[in-house]
Amino acid sequence: QVQLVESGGGLVQAGGSLRLSCAASARTSSTNFMDWFRQAPGKERELVARIFWTSGNNYVADSLKGRFTISRDIAKNTMYLQMNSLKPDDTAVYYCHSNTATRDYWGQGTQVTVSS
């Protein structure tokens, strides 16, 4: 059983930066890709960014390009989300997700709050 643990969330002022981490509790050689999603109060969960585990190819939502960067460290089984120039609209719970050959895994989420 793989567990995903997010960290790095918190309270930051608009214009600030945060780096989220998602650590997998065990190495899984069958990981296809990992994602960051976010869900703001009263809104649907939305895809923020995706990274393909082996190649490192990645995707960031168009509205977030230039501010958010996704990366991973295979040796550490960890995915990152660097968030710069944060805005109050970025306030949400951020979840990491892993797609493997056998199943999907979700983390419990980390709260990001951006004050104006």
PDB file of N, CA and C in Angstrom:
ATOM      1  N   GLN A   1       0.843  -1.182   0.000  1.00  0.00           N
ATOM      2  CA  GLN A   1       0.000   0.000   0.000  1.00  0.00           C
ATOM      3  C   GLN A   1       0.888   1.244   0.000  1.00  0.00           C
ATOM      4  N   VAL A   2       0.677   2.101  -0.974  1.00  0.00           N
ATOM      5  CA  VAL A   2       1.452   3.330  -1.070  1.00  0.00           C
ATOM      6  C   VAL A   2       0.656   4.469  -0.460  1.00  0.00           C
ATOM      7  N   GLN A   3       1.308   5.246   0.358  1.00  0.00           N
ATOM      8  CA  GLN A   3       0.681   6.456   0.887  1.00  0.00           C
ATOM      9  C   GLN A   3       1.363   7.680   0.297  1.00  0.00           C
ATOM     10  N   LEU A   4       0.560   8.681   0.004  1.00  0.00           N
ATOM     11  CA  LEU A   4       1.078   9.948  -0.496  1.00  0.00           C
ATOM     12  C   LEU A   4       0.896  10.996   0.597  1.00  0.00           C
ATOM     13  N   VAL A   5       1.969  11.678   0.926  1.00  0.00           N
ATOM     14  CA  VAL A   5       1.912  12.667   1.994  1.00  0.00           C
ATOM     15  C   VAL A   5       2.347  14.017   1.440  1.00  0.00           C
ATOM     16  N   GLU A   6       1.404  14.958   1.462  1.00  0.00           N
ATOM     17  CA  GLU A   6       1.711  16.314   1.006  1.00  0.00           C
ATOM     18  C   GLU A   6       2.245  17.144   2.156  1.00  0.00           C
ATOM     19  N   SER A   7       3.073  18.098   1.819  1.00  0.00           N
ATOM     20  CA  SER A   7       3.571  19.053   2.804  1.00  0.00           C
ATOM     21  C   SER A   7       3.924  20.345   2.094  1.00  0.00           C
ATOM     22  N   GLY A   8       4.129  21.391   2.880  1.00  0.00           N
ATOM     23  CA  GLY A   8       4.562  22.661   2.319  1.00  0.00           C
ATOM     24  C   GLY A   8       3.480  23.713   2.212  1.00  0.00           C
ATOM     25  N   GLY A   9       2.249  23.344   2.505  1.00  0.00           N
ATOM     26  CA  GLY A   9       1.191  24.330   2.464  1.00  0.00           C
ATOM     27  C   GLY A   9       1.295  25.303   3.626  1.00  0.00           C
ATOM     28  N   GLY A  10       0.437  26.308   3.592  1.00  0.00           N
ATOM     29  CA  GLY A  10       0.435  27.281   4.668  1.00  0.00           C
ATOM     30  C   GLY A  10      -0.194  28.586   4.249  1.00  0.00           C
ATOM     31  N   LEU A  11       0.040  29.602   5.043  1.00  0.00           N
ATOM     32  CA  LEU A  11      -0.492  30.945   4.801  1.00  0.00           C
ATOM     33  C   LEU A  11       0.618  31.818   4.233  1.00  0.00           C
ATOM     34  N   VAL A  12       0.318  32.486   3.140  1.00  0.00           N
ATOM     35  CA  VAL A  12       1.306  33.350   2.496  1.00  0.00           C
ATOM     36  C   VAL A  12       0.597  34.586   1.967  1.00  0.00           C
ATOM     37  N   GLN A  13       1.314  35.682   1.906  1.00  0.00           N
ATOM     38  CA  GLN A  13       0.741  36.897   1.340  1.00  0.00           C
ATOM     39  C   GLN A  13       0.767  36.845  -0.180  1.00  0.00           C
ATOM     40  N   ALA A  14      -0.141  37.563  -0.773  1.00  0.00           N
ATOM     41  CA  ALA A  14      -0.177  37.652  -2.234  1.00  0.00           C
ATOM     42  C   ALA A  14       1.184  38.100  -2.750  1.00  0.00           C
ATOM     43  N   GLY A  15       1.619  37.442  -3.816  1.00  0.00           N
ATOM     44  CA  GLY A  15       2.932  37.720  -4.372  1.00  0.00           C
ATOM     45  C   GLY A  15       4.022  36.811  -3.851  1.00  0.00           C
ATOM     46  N   GLY A  16       3.714  36.072  -2.814  1.00  0.00           N
ATOM     47  CA  GLY A  16       4.691  35.170  -2.215  1.00  0.00           C
ATOM     48  C   GLY A  16       4.784  33.844  -2.937  1.00  0.00           C
ATOM     49  N   SER A  17       5.604  32.961  -2.385  1.00  0.00           N
ATOM     50  CA  SER A  17       5.854  31.655  -2.996  1.00  0.00           C
ATOM     51  C   SER A  17       5.717  30.554  -1.961  1.00  0.00           C
ATOM     52  N   LEU A  18       5.363  29.386  -2.449  1.00  0.00           N
ATOM     53  CA  LEU A  18       5.355  28.169  -1.643  1.00  0.00           C
ATOM     54  C   LEU A  18       5.828  27.021  -2.516  1.00  0.00           C
ATOM     55  N   ARG A  19       6.412  26.033  -1.874  1.00  0.00           N
ATOM     56  CA  ARG A  19       6.798  24.809  -2.567  1.00  0.00           C
ATOM     57  C   ARG A  19       6.133  23.635  -1.872  1.00  0.00           C
ATOM     58  N   LEU A  20       5.248  22.984  -2.602  1.00  0.00           N
ATOM     59  CA  LEU A  20       4.581  21.810  -2.076  1.00  0.00           C
ATOM     60  C   LEU A  20       5.381  20.566  -2.426  1.00  0.00           C
ATOM     61  N   SER A  21       5.339  19.602  -1.533  1.00  0.00           N
ATOM     62  CA  SER A  21       5.974  18.311  -1.772  1.00  0.00           C
ATOM     63  C   SER A  21       4.948  17.203  -1.602  1.00  0.00           C
ATOM     64  N   CYS A  22       5.108  16.161  -2.367  1.00  0.00           N
ATOM     65  CA  CYS A  22       4.265  14.968  -2.243  1.00  0.00           C
ATOM     66  C   CYS A  22       5.204  13.769  -2.219  1.00  0.00           C
ATOM     67  N   ALA A  23       5.309  13.160  -1.072  1.00  0.00           N
ATOM     68  CA  ALA A  23       6.222  12.036  -0.909  1.00  0.00           C
ATOM     69  C   ALA A  23       5.448  10.731  -0.896  1.00  0.00           C
ATOM     70  N   ALA A  24       5.883   9.795  -1.712  1.00  0.00           N
ATOM     71  CA  ALA A  24       5.287   8.466  -1.718  1.00  0.00           C
ATOM     72  C   ALA A  24       6.016   7.601  -0.701  1.00  0.00           C
ATOM     73  N   SER A  25       5.253   6.827   0.051  1.00  0.00           N
ATOM     74  CA  SER A  25       5.834   6.038   1.144  1.00  0.00           C
ATOM     75  C   SER A  25       6.646   4.855   0.663  1.00  0.00           C
ATOM     76  N   ALA A  26       6.440   4.471  -0.590  1.00  0.00           N
ATOM     77  CA  ALA A  26       7.175   3.331  -1.118  1.00  0.00           C
ATOM     78  C   ALA A  26       7.450   3.559  -2.592  1.00  0.00           C
ATOM     79  N   ARG A  27       8.532   2.981  -3.037  1.00  0.00           N
ATOM     80  CA  ARG A  27       8.862   3.105  -4.456  1.00  0.00           C
ATOM     81  C   ARG A  27       7.898   2.246  -5.263  1.00  0.00           C
ATOM     82  N   THR A  28       7.397   2.820  -6.337  1.00  0.00           N
ATOM     83  CA  THR A  28       6.560   2.040  -7.228  1.00  0.00           C
ATOM     84  C   THR A  28       7.084   2.206  -8.639  1.00  0.00           C
ATOM     85  N   SER A  29       7.539   1.127  -9.198  1.00  0.00           N
ATOM     86  CA  SER A  29       8.113   1.188 -10.541  1.00  0.00           C
ATOM     87  C   SER A  29       7.050   1.294 -11.610  1.00  0.00           C
ATOM     88  N   SER A  30       5.785   1.152 -11.188  1.00  0.00           N
ATOM     89  CA  SER A  30       4.708   1.162 -12.176  1.00  0.00           C
ATOM     90  C   SER A  30       3.988   2.505 -12.231  1.00  0.00           C
ATOM     91  N   THR A  31       4.595   3.552 -11.656  1.00  0.00           N
ATOM     92  CA  THR A  31       3.957   4.868 -11.708  1.00  0.00           C
ATOM     93  C   THR A  31       3.975   5.397 -13.133  1.00  0.00           C
ATOM     94  N   ASN A  32       2.818   5.756 -13.618  1.00  0.00           N
ATOM     95  CA  ASN A  32       2.719   6.350 -14.948  1.00  0.00           C
ATOM     96  C   ASN A  32       2.902   7.860 -14.870  1.00  0.00           C
ATOM     97  N   PHE A  33       2.074   8.485 -14.055  1.00  0.00           N
ATOM     98  CA  PHE A  33       2.195   9.920 -13.875  1.00  0.00           C
ATOM     99  C   PHE A  33       1.679  10.305 -12.512  1.00  0.00           C
ATOM    100  N   MET A  34       2.033  11.510 -12.097  1.00  0.00           N
ATOM    101  CA  MET A  34       1.522  12.085 -10.858  1.00  0.00           C
ATOM    102  C   MET A  34       1.009  13.484 -11.153  1.00  0.00           C
ATOM    103  N   ASP A  35       0.022  13.879 -10.364  1.00  0.00           N
ATOM    104  CA  ASP A  35      -0.651  15.161 -10.585  1.00  0.00           C
ATOM    105  C   ASP A  35      -0.715  15.956  -9.298  1.00  0.00           C
ATOM    106  N   TRP A  36      -0.939  17.245  -9.480  1.00  0.00           N
ATOM    107  CA  TRP A  36      -1.439  18.102  -8.419  1.00  0.00           C
ATOM    108  C   TRP A  36      -2.830  18.574  -8.841  1.00  0.00           C
ATOM    109  N   PHE A  37      -3.775  18.420  -7.945  1.00  0.00           N
ATOM    110  CA  PHE A  37      -5.108  18.979  -8.105  1.00  0.00           C
ATOM    111  C   PHE A  37      -5.309  19.998  -6.994  1.00  0.00           C
ATOM    112  N   ARG A  38      -6.305  20.842  -7.151  1.00  0.00           N
ATOM    113  CA  ARG A  38      -6.684  21.734  -6.064  1.00  0.00           C
ATOM    114  C   ARG A  38      -8.201  21.900  -6.049  1.00  0.00           C
ATOM    115  N   GLN A  39      -8.699  22.184  -4.866  1.00  0.00           N
ATOM    116  CA  GLN A  39     -10.132  22.408  -4.714  1.00  0.00           C
ATOM    117  C   GLN A  39     -10.351  23.567  -3.767  1.00  0.00           C
ATOM    118  N   ALA A  40     -10.960  24.597  -4.308  1.00  0.00           N
ATOM    119  CA  ALA A  40     -11.302  25.774  -3.518  1.00  0.00           C
ATOM    120  C   ALA A  40     -12.714  25.598  -2.960  1.00  0.00           C
ATOM    121  N   PRO A  41     -13.048  26.287  -1.888  1.00  0.00           N
ATOM    122  CA  PRO A  41     -14.384  26.165  -1.303  1.00  0.00           C
ATOM    123  C   PRO A  41     -15.483  26.457  -2.328  1.00  0.00           C
ATOM    124  N   GLY A  42     -16.427  25.554  -2.424  1.00  0.00           N
ATOM    125  CA  GLY A  42     -17.543  25.748  -3.331  1.00  0.00           C
ATOM    126  C   GLY A  42     -17.247  25.500  -4.790  1.00  0.00           C
ATOM    127  N   LYS A  43     -16.036  25.035  -5.075  1.00  0.00           N
ATOM    128  CA  LYS A  43     -15.653  24.798  -6.474  1.00  0.00           C
ATOM    129  C   LYS A  43     -15.272  23.339  -6.667  1.00  0.00           C
ATOM    130  N   GLU A  44     -15.272  22.922  -7.930  1.00  0.00           N
ATOM    131  CA  GLU A  44     -14.875  21.563  -8.251  1.00  0.00           C
ATOM    132  C   GLU A  44     -13.353  21.421  -8.188  1.00  0.00           C
ATOM    133  N   ARG A  45     -12.929  20.193  -7.966  1.00  0.00           N
ATOM    134  CA  ARG A  45     -11.497  19.915  -7.977  1.00  0.00           C
ATOM    135  C   ARG A  45     -10.979  20.098  -9.394  1.00  0.00           C
ATOM    136  N   GLU A  46      -9.840  20.768  -9.527  1.00  0.00           N
ATOM    137  CA  GLU A  46      -9.290  21.027 -10.851  1.00  0.00           C
ATOM    138  C   GLU A  46      -7.842  20.571 -10.928  1.00  0.00           C
ATOM    139  N   LEU A  47      -7.453  20.155 -12.118  1.00  0.00           N
ATOM    140  CA  LEU A  47      -6.080  19.729 -12.356  1.00  0.00           C
ATOM    141  C   LEU A  47      -5.169  20.953 -12.451  1.00  0.00           C
ATOM    142  N   VAL A  48      -4.121  20.924 -11.676  1.00  0.00           N
ATOM    143  CA  VAL A  48      -3.145  22.003 -11.676  1.00  0.00           C
ATOM    144  C   VAL A  48      -1.975  21.676 -12.597  1.00  0.00           C
ATOM    145  N   ALA A  49      -1.413  20.496 -12.408  1.00  0.00           N
ATOM    146  CA  ALA A  49      -0.235  20.120 -13.186  1.00  0.00           C
ATOM    147  C   ALA A  49      -0.061  18.607 -13.139  1.00  0.00           C
ATOM    148  N   ARG A  50       0.602  18.084 -14.147  1.00  0.00           N
ATOM    149  CA  ARG A  50       0.862  16.641 -14.260  1.00  0.00           C
ATOM    150  C   ARG A  50       2.297  16.433 -14.714  1.00  0.00           C
ATOM    151  N   ILE A  51       2.914  15.388 -14.195  1.00  0.00           N
ATOM    152  CA  ILE A  51       4.254  15.033 -14.643  1.00  0.00           C
ATOM    153  C   ILE A  51       4.312  13.532 -14.892  1.00  0.00           C
ATOM    154  N   PHE A  52       4.842  13.165 -16.027  1.00  0.00           N
ATOM    155  CA  PHE A  52       5.009  11.753 -16.365  1.00  0.00           C
ATOM    156  C   PHE A  52       6.295  11.278 -15.704  1.00  0.00           C
ATOM    157  N   TRP A  53       6.154  10.182 -14.930  1.00  0.00           N
ATOM    158  CA  TRP A  53       7.192   9.856 -13.965  1.00  0.00           C
ATOM    159  C   TRP A  53       8.529   9.503 -14.611  1.00  0.00           C
ATOM    160  N   THR A  54       8.503   8.716 -15.644  1.00  0.00           N
ATOM    161  CA  THR A  54       9.755   8.253 -16.236  1.00  0.00           C
ATOM    162  C   THR A  54      10.409   9.340 -17.087  1.00  0.00           C
ATOM    163  N   SER A  55       9.628   9.966 -17.943  1.00  0.00           N
ATOM    164  CA  SER A  55      10.202  10.917 -18.890  1.00  0.00           C
ATOM    165  C   SER A  55      10.429  12.294 -18.282  1.00  0.00           C
ATOM    166  N   GLY A  56       9.590  12.645 -17.303  1.00  0.00           N
ATOM    167  CA  GLY A  56       9.654  13.994 -16.752  1.00  0.00           C
ATOM    168  C   GLY A  56       8.857  15.012 -17.550  1.00  0.00           C
ATOM    169  N   ASN A  57       8.288  14.566 -18.668  1.00  0.00           N
ATOM    170  CA  ASN A  57       7.434  15.477 -19.423  1.00  0.00           C
ATOM    171  C   ASN A  57       6.297  15.941 -18.528  1.00  0.00           C
ATOM    172  N   ASN A  58       5.897  17.188 -18.693  1.00  0.00           N
ATOM    173  CA  ASN A  58       4.890  17.689 -17.768  1.00  0.00           C
ATOM    174  C   ASN A  58       3.942  18.661 -18.435  1.00  0.00           C
ATOM    175  N   TYR A  59       2.876  18.912 -17.725  1.00  0.00           N
ATOM    176  CA  TYR A  59       1.810  19.797 -18.166  1.00  0.00           C
ATOM    177  C   TYR A  59       1.404  20.679 -16.984  1.00  0.00           C
ATOM    178  N   VAL A  60       1.228  21.966 -17.255  1.00  0.00           N
ATOM    179  CA  VAL A  60       0.699  22.892 -16.261  1.00  0.00           C
ATOM    180  C   VAL A  60      -0.519  23.567 -16.867  1.00  0.00           C
ATOM    181  N   ALA A  61      -1.571  23.688 -16.101  1.00  0.00           N
ATOM    182  CA  ALA A  61      -2.781  24.336 -16.590  1.00  0.00           C
ATOM    183  C   ALA A  61      -2.431  25.692 -17.191  1.00  0.00           C
ATOM    184  N   ASP A  62      -3.066  25.996 -18.304  1.00  0.00           N
ATOM    185  CA  ASP A  62      -2.739  27.221 -19.036  1.00  0.00           C
ATOM    186  C   ASP A  62      -2.801  28.459 -18.152  1.00  0.00           C
ATOM    187  N   SER A  63      -3.796  28.511 -17.286  1.00  0.00           N
ATOM    188  CA  SER A  63      -3.983  29.694 -16.453  1.00  0.00           C
ATOM    189  C   SER A  63      -2.891  29.859 -15.404  1.00  0.00           C
ATOM    190  N   LEU A  64      -2.096  28.793 -15.203  1.00  0.00           N
ATOM    191  CA  LEU A  64      -1.074  28.825 -14.165  1.00  0.00           C
ATOM    192  C   LEU A  64       0.346  28.845 -14.728  1.00  0.00           C
ATOM    193  N   LYS A  65       0.454  28.688 -16.019  1.00  0.00           N
ATOM    194  CA  LYS A  65       1.795  28.688 -16.636  1.00  0.00           C
ATOM    195  C   LYS A  65       2.503  30.002 -16.353  1.00  0.00           C
ATOM    196  N   GLY A  66       3.784  29.865 -16.099  1.00  0.00           N
ATOM    197  CA  GLY A  66       4.580  31.038 -15.782  1.00  0.00           C
ATOM    198  C   GLY A  66       4.669  31.309 -14.295  1.00  0.00           C
ATOM    199  N   ARG A  67       3.732  30.735 -13.522  1.00  0.00           N
ATOM    200  CA  ARG A  67       3.771  30.902 -12.067  1.00  0.00           C
ATOM    201  C   ARG A  67       4.029  29.584 -11.341  1.00  0.00           C
ATOM    202  N   PHE A  68       3.500  28.498 -11.857  1.00  0.00           N
ATOM    203  CA  PHE A  68       3.619  27.188 -11.211  1.00  0.00           C
ATOM    204  C   PHE A  68       4.540  26.290 -12.028  1.00  0.00           C
ATOM    205  N   THR A  69       5.340  25.512 -11.333  1.00  0.00           N
ATOM    206  CA  THR A  69       6.241  24.554 -11.970  1.00  0.00           C
ATOM    207  C   THR A  69       6.156  23.230 -11.235  1.00  0.00           C
ATOM    208  N   ILE A  70       6.030  22.158 -11.991  1.00  0.00           N
ATOM    209  CA  ILE A  70       5.978  20.819 -11.408  1.00  0.00           C
ATOM    210  C   ILE A  70       7.300  20.113 -11.689  1.00  0.00           C
ATOM    211  N   SER A  71       7.752  19.329 -10.734  1.00  0.00           N
ATOM    212  CA  SER A  71       8.984  18.568 -10.915  1.00  0.00           C
ATOM    213  C   SER A  71       8.917  17.320 -10.048  1.00  0.00           C
ATOM    214  N   ARG A  72       9.900  16.445 -10.230  1.00  0.00           N
ATOM    215  CA  ARG A  72       9.936  15.247  -9.388  1.00  0.00           C
ATOM    216  C   ARG A  72      11.371  14.809  -9.183  1.00  0.00           C
ATOM    217  N   ASP A  73      11.552  14.075  -8.092  1.00  0.00           N
ATOM    218  CA  ASP A  73      12.838  13.467  -7.769  1.00  0.00           C
ATOM    219  C   ASP A  73      12.582  11.973  -7.644  1.00  0.00           C
ATOM    220  N   ILE A  74      12.991  11.241  -8.662  1.00  0.00           N
ATOM    221  CA  ILE A  74      12.704   9.805  -8.692  1.00  0.00           C
ATOM    222  C   ILE A  74      13.360   9.088  -7.518  1.00  0.00           C
ATOM    223  N   ALA A  75      14.577   9.455  -7.197  1.00  0.00           N
ATOM    224  CA  ALA A  75      15.298   8.783  -6.114  1.00  0.00           C
ATOM    225  C   ALA A  75      14.592   8.956  -4.775  1.00  0.00           C
ATOM    226  N   LYS A  76      13.908  10.088  -4.613  1.00  0.00           N
ATOM    227  CA  LYS A  76      13.205  10.369  -3.358  1.00  0.00           C
ATOM    228  C   LYS A  76      11.720  10.042  -3.424  1.00  0.00           C
ATOM    229  N   ASN A  77      11.269   9.527  -4.560  1.00  0.00           N
ATOM    230  CA  ASN A  77       9.833   9.241  -4.733  1.00  0.00           C
ATOM    231  C   ASN A  77       8.988  10.454  -4.374  1.00  0.00           C
ATOM    232  N   THR A  78       9.422  11.605  -4.782  1.00  0.00           N
ATOM    233  CA  THR A  78       8.767  12.846  -4.369  1.00  0.00           C
ATOM    234  C   THR A  78       8.489  13.743  -5.570  1.00  0.00           C
ATOM    235  N   MET A  79       7.313  14.325  -5.544  1.00  0.00           N
ATOM    236  CA  MET A  79       6.904  15.299  -6.554  1.00  0.00           C
ATOM    237  C   MET A  79       6.791  16.656  -5.887  1.00  0.00           C
ATOM    238  N   TYR A  80       7.049  17.691  -6.667  1.00  0.00           N
ATOM    239  CA  TYR A  80       7.024  19.044  -6.121  1.00  0.00           C
ATOM    240  C   TYR A  80       6.140  19.952  -6.967  1.00  0.00           C
ATOM    241  N   LEU A  81       5.650  20.989  -6.332  1.00  0.00           N
ATOM    242  CA  LEU A  81       4.946  22.052  -7.043  1.00  0.00           C
ATOM    243  C   LEU A  81       5.483  23.380  -6.509  1.00  0.00           C
ATOM    244  N   GLN A  82       6.222  24.065  -7.341  1.00  0.00           N
ATOM    245  CA  GLN A  82       6.715  25.387  -6.986  1.00  0.00           C
ATOM    246  C   GLN A  82       5.692  26.415  -7.439  1.00  0.00           C
ATOM    247  N   MET A  83       5.213  27.202  -6.493  1.00  0.00           N
ATOM    248  CA  MET A  83       4.169  28.182  -6.783  1.00  0.00           C
ATOM    249  C   MET A  83       4.709  29.570  -6.463  1.00  0.00           C
ATOM    250  N   ASN A  84       4.779  30.395  -7.492  1.00  0.00           N
ATOM    251  CA  ASN A  84       5.287  31.753  -7.343  1.00  0.00           C
ATOM    252  C   ASN A  84       4.193  32.771  -7.644  1.00  0.00           C
ATOM    253  N   SER A  85       4.420  34.006  -7.234  1.00  0.00           N
ATOM    254  CA  SER A  85       3.467  35.089  -7.492  1.00  0.00           C
ATOM    255  C   SER A  85       2.052  34.675  -7.122  1.00  0.00           C
ATOM    256  N   LEU A  86       1.915  34.128  -5.950  1.00  0.00           N
ATOM    257  CA  LEU A  86       0.622  33.593  -5.535  1.00  0.00           C
ATOM    258  C   LEU A  86      -0.425  34.681  -5.407  1.00  0.00           C
ATOM    259  N   LYS A  87      -1.658  34.287  -5.721  1.00  0.00           N
ATOM    260  CA  LYS A  87      -2.795  35.188  -5.688  1.00  0.00           C
ATOM    261  C   LYS A  87      -3.847  34.636  -4.727  1.00  0.00           C
ATOM    262  N   PRO A  88      -4.722  35.487  -4.223  1.00  0.00           N
ATOM    263  CA  PRO A  88      -5.801  34.974  -3.356  1.00  0.00           C
ATOM    264  C   PRO A  88      -6.630  33.884  -4.026  1.00  0.00           C
ATOM    265  N   ASP A  89      -6.779  33.948  -5.343  1.00  0.00           N
ATOM    266  CA  ASP A  89      -7.536  32.918  -6.068  1.00  0.00           C
ATOM    267  C   ASP A  89      -6.856  31.562  -6.035  1.00  0.00           C
ATOM    268  N   ASP A  90      -5.594  31.518  -5.638  1.00  0.00           N
ATOM    269  CA  ASP A  90      -4.892  30.226  -5.529  1.00  0.00           C
ATOM    270  C   ASP A  90      -5.212  29.524  -4.212  1.00  0.00           C
ATOM    271  N   THR A  91      -5.958  30.169  -3.344  1.00  0.00           N
ATOM    272  CA  THR A  91      -6.346  29.558  -2.077  1.00  0.00           C
ATOM    273  C   THR A  91      -7.184  28.309  -2.324  1.00  0.00           C
ATOM    274  N   ALA A  92      -6.734  27.199  -1.772  1.00  0.00           N
ATOM    275  CA  ALA A  92      -7.408  25.914  -1.996  1.00  0.00           C
ATOM    276  C   ALA A  92      -6.698  24.840  -1.186  1.00  0.00           C
ATOM    277  N   VAL A  93      -7.326  23.682  -1.144  1.00  0.00           N
ATOM    278  CA  VAL A  93      -6.627  22.492  -0.669  1.00  0.00           C
ATOM    279  C   VAL A  93      -5.973  21.847  -1.888  1.00  0.00           C
ATOM    280  N   TYR A  94      -4.703  21.579  -1.781  1.00  0.00           N
ATOM    281  CA  TYR A  94      -3.945  20.989  -2.878  1.00  0.00           C
ATOM    282  C   TYR A  94      -3.720  19.508  -2.588  1.00  0.00           C
ATOM    283  N   TYR A  95      -4.068  18.687  -3.572  1.00  0.00           N
ATOM    284  CA  TYR A  95      -3.972  17.233  -3.430  1.00  0.00           C
ATOM    285  C   TYR A  95      -2.974  16.682  -4.436  1.00  0.00           C
ATOM    286  N   CYS A  96      -2.237  15.686  -4.033  1.00  0.00           N
ATOM    287  CA  CYS A  96      -1.442  14.974  -5.025  1.00  0.00           C
ATOM    288  C   CYS A  96      -2.102  13.643  -5.340  1.00  0.00           C
ATOM    289  N   HIS A  97      -1.837  13.192  -6.521  1.00  0.00           N
ATOM    290  CA  HIS A  97      -2.459  11.990  -7.072  1.00  0.00           C
ATOM    291  C   HIS A  97      -1.403  11.232  -7.851  1.00  0.00           C
ATOM    292  N   SER A  98      -1.472   9.914  -7.742  1.00  0.00           N
ATOM    293  CA  SER A  98      -0.546   9.061  -8.470  1.00  0.00           C
ATOM    294  C   SER A  98      -1.320   8.018  -9.256  1.00  0.00           C
ATOM    295  N   ASN A  99      -0.988   7.900 -10.513  1.00  0.00           N
ATOM    296  CA  ASN A  99      -1.587   6.869 -11.366  1.00  0.00           C
ATOM    297  C   ASN A  99      -0.540   5.795 -11.627  1.00  0.00           C
ATOM    298  N   THR A 100      -0.872   4.562 -11.229  1.00  0.00           N
ATOM    299  CA  THR A 100       0.052   3.458 -11.476  1.00  0.00           C
ATOM    300  C   THR A 100      -0.631   2.415 -12.335  1.00  0.00           C
ATOM    301  N   ALA A 101       0.104   1.370 -12.651  1.00  0.00           N
ATOM    302  CA  ALA A 101      -0.435   0.315 -13.508  1.00  0.00           C
ATOM    303  C   ALA A 101      -1.586  -0.419 -12.841  1.00  0.00           C
ATOM    304  N   THR A 102      -1.653  -0.390 -11.509  1.00  0.00           N
ATOM    305  CA  THR A 102      -2.655  -1.183 -10.798  1.00  0.00           C
ATOM    306  C   THR A 102      -3.765  -0.349 -10.187  1.00  0.00           C
ATOM    307  N   ARG A 103      -3.475   0.882  -9.767  1.00  0.00           N
ATOM    308  CA  ARG A 103      -4.500   1.697  -9.131  1.00  0.00           C
ATOM    309  C   ARG A 103      -4.045   3.127  -9.015  1.00  0.00           C
ATOM    310  N   ASP A 104      -4.970   3.952  -8.542  1.00  0.00           N
ATOM    311  CA  ASP A 104      -4.669   5.352  -8.283  1.00  0.00           C
ATOM    312  C   ASP A 104      -4.576   5.586  -6.777  1.00  0.00           C
ATOM    313  N   TYR A 105      -3.728   6.540  -6.408  1.00  0.00           N
ATOM    314  CA  TYR A 105      -3.572   6.917  -5.016  1.00  0.00           C
ATOM    315  C   TYR A 105      -3.783   8.419  -4.880  1.00  0.00           C
ATOM    316  N   TRP A 106      -4.316   8.801  -3.716  1.00  0.00           N
ATOM    317  CA  TRP A 106      -4.524  10.209  -3.407  1.00  0.00           C
ATOM    318  C   TRP A 106      -3.913  10.537  -2.056  1.00  0.00           C
ATOM    319  N   GLY A 107      -3.388  11.734  -1.950  1.00  0.00           N
ATOM    320  CA  GLY A 107      -2.974  12.237  -0.659  1.00  0.00           C
ATOM    321  C   GLY A 107      -4.148  12.869   0.059  1.00  0.00           C
ATOM    322  N   GLN A 108      -3.931  13.270   1.297  1.00  0.00           N
ATOM    323  CA  GLN A 108      -5.006  13.845   2.095  1.00  0.00           C
ATOM    324  C   GLN A 108      -5.167  15.341   1.870  1.00  0.00           C
ATOM    325  N   GLY A 109      -4.216  15.941   1.229  1.00  0.00           N
ATOM    326  CA  GLY A 109      -4.327  17.359   0.906  1.00  0.00           C
ATOM    327  C   GLY A 109      -3.568  18.253   1.859  1.00  0.00           C
ATOM    328  N   THR A 110      -3.164  19.397   1.337  1.00  0.00           N
ATOM    329  CA  THR A 110      -2.505  20.410   2.154  1.00  0.00           C
ATOM    330  C   THR A 110      -3.133  21.767   1.818  1.00  0.00           C
ATOM    331  N   GLN A 111      -3.449  22.513   2.846  1.00  0.00           N
ATOM    332  CA  GLN A 111      -4.133  23.793   2.662  1.00  0.00           C
ATOM    333  C   GLN A 111      -3.141  24.877   2.267  1.00  0.00           C
ATOM    334  N   VAL A 112      -3.507  25.609   1.233  1.00  0.00           N
ATOM    335  CA  VAL A 112      -2.762  26.802   0.833  1.00  0.00           C
ATOM    336  C   VAL A 112      -3.710  27.989   0.935  1.00  0.00           C
ATOM    337  N   THR A 113      -3.325  28.981   1.698  1.00  0.00           N
ATOM    338  CA  THR A 113      -4.140  30.175   1.863  1.00  0.00           C
ATOM    339  C   THR A 113      -3.308  31.395   1.498  1.00  0.00           C
ATOM    340  N   VAL A 114      -3.810  32.171   0.559  1.00  0.00           N
ATOM    341  CA  VAL A 114      -3.106  33.363   0.101  1.00  0.00           C
ATOM    342  C   VAL A 114      -3.910  34.581   0.529  1.00  0.00           C
ATOM    343  N   SER A 115      -3.320  35.406   1.344  1.00  0.00           N
ATOM    344  CA  SER A 115      -4.007  36.602   1.834  1.00  0.00           C
ATOM    345  C   SER A 115      -3.700  37.797   0.932  1.00  0.00           C
ATOM    346  N   SER A 116      -4.676  38.673   0.827  1.00  0.00           N
ATOM    347  CA  SER A 116      -4.508  39.849  -0.044  1.00  0.00           C
ATOM    348  C   SER A 116      -3.883  41.008   0.709  1.00  0.00           C
TER     349      SER A 116
END
